[in-house]
């Protein structure tokens, strides 16, 4: 499970974006872990739902396998939800 370094890696990776309604900035830092375990999503609009934005952080908790899997599959699975089509966003997230 993701060993630790003698001192943290404090280099920061910054991403910014905006559209006509929203602006965001995210910042990542590896810290004490031997490699970056966390992932994120930053979508100002979703395919078929231009009025919806999605931002998420997936914490690796000692490894990056699950965080990477969710990063790569979450949006596709979320967009399949019938409750999203019914504009029940909270239900679609569950």
Protein backbone atom coordinates (compact mmCIF):
# COMPACT_ATOMS: atom_id res chain seq x y z
CA UNK A 1 0.00 0.00 0.00
CA UNK A 2 1.66 3.10 -1.37
CA UNK A 3 4.84 3.62 0.70
CA UNK A 4 6.03 6.95 2.02
CA UNK A 5 8.91 9.23 1.05
CA UNK A 6 11.53 10.76 3.36
CA UNK A 7 10.21 14.20 2.46
CA UNK A 8 7.10 15.29 0.57
CA UNK A 9 6.98 16.18 -3.11
CA UNK A 10 5.47 19.66 -3.02
CA UNK A 11 5.43 20.42 -6.75
CA UNK A 12 1.91 21.47 -7.67
CA UNK A 13 0.02 20.69 -10.87
CA UNK A 14 -2.57 23.38 -11.62
CA UNK A 15 -5.42 23.14 -14.12
CA UNK A 16 -7.86 25.94 -14.95
CA UNK A 17 -10.84 26.24 -17.22
CA UNK A 18 -13.92 28.31 -17.83
CA UNK A 19 -17.04 28.69 -19.88
CA UNK A 20 -19.61 31.49 -20.06
CA UNK A 21 -21.07 30.56 -16.64
CA UNK A 22 -18.31 28.98 -14.59
CA UNK A 23 -14.60 29.18 -13.90
CA UNK A 24 -12.51 26.61 -12.01
CA UNK A 25 -8.98 25.98 -10.87
CA UNK A 26 -7.70 22.74 -9.38
CA UNK A 27 -4.37 22.03 -7.73
CA UNK A 28 -2.72 18.64 -7.15
CA UNK A 29 0.23 17.80 -4.93
CA UNK A 30 1.70 14.33 -4.42
CA UNK A 31 2.87 14.87 -0.86
CA UNK A 32 4.46 12.04 1.13
CA UNK A 33 3.38 9.10 -1.06
CA UNK A 34 5.85 7.43 -3.47
CA UNK A 35 3.53 8.20 -6.41
CA UNK A 36 0.36 10.17 -6.99
CA UNK A 37 -2.61 8.04 -5.94
CA UNK A 38 -5.45 10.51 -6.42
CA UNK A 39 -7.31 11.40 -9.60
CA UNK A 40 -9.89 14.02 -10.53
CA UNK A 41 -12.52 14.97 -13.08
CA UNK A 42 -13.09 18.49 -14.34
CA UNK A 43 -15.91 18.77 -16.88
CA UNK A 44 -17.47 22.15 -17.57
CA UNK A 45 -20.19 20.44 -19.63
CA UNK A 46 -21.28 16.85 -20.11
CA UNK A 47 -22.11 15.27 -23.46
CA UNK A 48 -25.83 15.69 -24.03
CA UNK A 49 -26.13 17.89 -20.92
CA UNK A 50 -24.37 21.17 -21.70
CA UNK A 51 -25.94 22.81 -18.63
CA UNK A 52 -24.32 20.27 -16.25
CA UNK A 53 -20.77 20.48 -14.93
CA UNK A 54 -19.01 17.72 -13.03
CA UNK A 55 -16.05 18.05 -10.68
CA UNK A 56 -14.80 15.14 -8.58
CA UNK A 57 -11.77 13.98 -6.61
CA UNK A 58 -11.04 10.28 -6.15
CA UNK A 59 -8.70 9.57 -3.25
CA UNK A 60 -6.35 6.64 -3.75
CA UNK A 61 -6.27 5.62 -0.06
CA UNK A 62 -2.96 3.79 -0.40
CA UNK A 63 -3.08 2.89 -4.10
CA UNK A 64 -4.23 4.36 -7.39
CA UNK A 65 -6.02 1.40 -9.02
CA UNK A 66 -9.58 2.20 -7.94
CA UNK A 67 -9.15 5.97 -8.29
CA UNK A 68 -7.93 5.53 -11.89
CA UNK A 69 -10.72 3.09 -12.70
CA UNK A 70 -13.39 5.48 -11.42
CA UNK A 71 -11.77 8.42 -13.24
CA UNK A 72 -11.90 6.45 -16.51
CA UNK A 73 -15.46 5.09 -16.15
CA UNK A 74 -17.49 7.46 -13.97
CA UNK A 75 -18.75 9.90 -16.62
CA UNK A 76 -19.73 7.16 -19.07
CA UNK A 77 -21.68 5.30 -16.38
CA UNK A 78 -23.22 8.49 -14.98
CA UNK A 79 -24.53 9.47 -18.42
CA UNK A 80 -26.29 6.08 -18.73
CA UNK A 81 -28.45 6.70 -15.64
CA UNK A 82 -32.18 6.98 -16.40
CA UNK A 83 -32.60 9.25 -13.38
CA UNK A 84 -30.24 11.74 -15.04
CA UNK A 85 -32.48 11.76 -18.10
CA UNK A 86 -35.38 12.46 -15.71
CA UNK A 87 -33.41 15.43 -14.31
CA UNK A 88 -32.96 13.70 -10.94
CA UNK A 89 -29.27 14.49 -10.64
CA UNK A 90 -28.93 13.53 -6.97
CA UNK A 91 -30.46 10.14 -7.64
CA UNK A 92 -28.22 9.66 -10.67
CA UNK A 93 -25.15 10.26 -8.51
CA UNK A 94 -26.21 7.52 -6.09
